[in-house]
């Protein structure tokens, strides 16, 4: 039996966490507008590519760039901020 590696995250877990982070980010109009401005995504493009690992990686990078948002998102999702950072790394791998 293998012991799970707590420092790694499966791609599916990273995508699920990324989608949750995206939903949290879009829940605030000002934060959502800032996300679109920073990433250059248009709303229609974001909707069409919401599960794309590159888009989710960009969302997590956006949150990492402003620690208060990263911490607030982690709190809202019931995870440690480090898990969001690891999910970002997994999506970019």
Protein backbone atom coordinates (compact mmCIF):
# COMPACT_ATOMS: atom_id res chain seq x y z
CA UNK A 1 0.00 0.00 0.00
CA UNK A 2 1.32 3.42 -0.95
CA UNK A 3 1.37 6.34 1.40
CA UNK A 4 -0.16 9.46 -0.10
CA UNK A 5 2.32 12.24 -0.74
CA UNK A 6 0.91 15.27 1.03
CA UNK A 7 3.25 17.58 -0.89
CA UNK A 8 1.72 16.62 -4.24
CA UNK A 9 -1.75 17.13 -5.48
CA UNK A 10 -3.46 15.22 -8.26
CA UNK A 11 -4.46 17.14 -11.34
CA UNK A 12 -8.13 16.50 -10.64
CA UNK A 13 -7.85 17.85 -7.11
CA UNK A 14 -6.01 20.92 -8.38
CA UNK A 15 -8.70 21.52 -11.01
CA UNK A 16 -11.49 21.15 -8.45
CA UNK A 17 -9.74 23.54 -6.07
CA UNK A 18 -9.05 25.94 -8.92
CA UNK A 19 -12.72 25.91 -9.90
CA UNK A 20 -13.72 26.61 -6.30
CA UNK A 21 -11.23 29.47 -6.16
CA UNK A 22 -12.59 30.83 -9.44
CA UNK A 23 -16.15 30.74 -8.10
CA UNK A 24 -15.03 32.50 -4.93
CA UNK A 25 -13.15 35.14 -6.93
CA UNK A 26 -16.15 35.82 -9.17
CA UNK A 27 -18.40 36.17 -6.13
CA UNK A 28 -17.16 39.72 -5.60
CA UNK A 29 -17.72 42.14 -8.52
CA UNK A 30 -14.64 44.28 -7.86
CA UNK A 31 -12.39 41.24 -7.49
CA UNK A 32 -13.88 39.68 -10.63
CA UNK A 33 -13.23 42.87 -12.61
CA UNK A 34 -9.66 42.93 -11.32
CA UNK A 35 -9.20 39.28 -12.35
CA UNK A 36 -10.39 40.03 -15.88
CA UNK A 37 -8.17 43.10 -16.12
CA UNK A 38 -5.07 41.32 -14.84
CA UNK A 39 -5.50 38.13 -16.88
CA UNK A 40 -6.83 39.75 -20.03
CA UNK A 41 -9.66 37.22 -20.19
CA UNK A 42 -13.04 38.29 -21.50
CA UNK A 43 -16.13 37.05 -19.61
CA UNK A 44 -17.19 34.80 -22.51
CA UNK A 45 -13.70 33.34 -22.78
CA UNK A 46 -13.60 32.73 -19.05
CA UNK A 47 -16.93 30.89 -19.19
CA UNK A 48 -15.82 28.79 -22.15
CA UNK A 49 -12.45 27.88 -20.63
CA UNK A 50 -13.33 27.75 -16.92
CA UNK A 51 -11.99 24.19 -16.47
CA UNK A 52 -8.84 24.80 -18.52
CA UNK A 53 -5.80 24.21 -16.28
CA UNK A 54 -4.08 27.29 -17.75
CA UNK A 55 -7.03 29.50 -16.81
CA UNK A 56 -7.29 28.00 -13.33
CA UNK A 57 -3.56 28.44 -12.88
CA UNK A 58 -3.97 32.10 -13.80
CA UNK A 59 -6.76 32.46 -11.24
CA UNK A 60 -4.61 30.95 -8.52
CA UNK A 61 -1.64 33.11 -9.55
CA UNK A 62 -3.96 36.13 -9.33
CA UNK A 63 -4.87 35.16 -5.76
CA UNK A 64 -1.24 34.52 -4.83
CA UNK A 65 -0.30 37.99 -6.03
CA UNK A 66 -2.44 39.57 -3.30
CA UNK A 67 -2.05 37.70 -0.02
CA UNK A 68 -5.24 39.06 1.62
CA UNK A 69 -7.29 37.53 -1.23
CA UNK A 70 -5.33 34.27 -1.05
CA UNK A 71 -5.95 33.96 2.69
CA UNK A 72 -9.62 34.99 2.41
CA UNK A 73 -10.21 32.49 -0.39
CA UNK A 74 -8.52 29.71 1.56
CA UNK A 75 -10.61 30.54 4.63
CA UNK A 76 -13.81 30.52 2.58
CA UNK A 77 -12.92 27.17 1.03
CA UNK A 78 -11.81 25.66 4.34
CA UNK A 79 -8.24 24.97 3.21
CA UNK A 80 -4.82 26.32 4.05
CA UNK A 81 -3.42 28.95 1.68
CA UNK A 82 -0.51 26.61 0.97
CA UNK A 83 -2.95 24.18 -0.65
CA UNK A 84 -3.97 26.86 -3.15
CA UNK A 85 -0.31 27.52 -3.90
CA UNK A 86 0.33 23.80 -4.43
CA UNK A 87 -2.72 23.56 -6.69
CA UNK A 88 -1.29 26.41 -8.77
CA UNK A 89 2.03 24.59 -9.04
CA UNK A 90 0.26 21.35 -10.04
CA UNK A 91 -1.72 23.13 -12.75
CA UNK A 92 1.44 24.64 -14.21
CA UNK A 93 3.37 21.35 -14.19
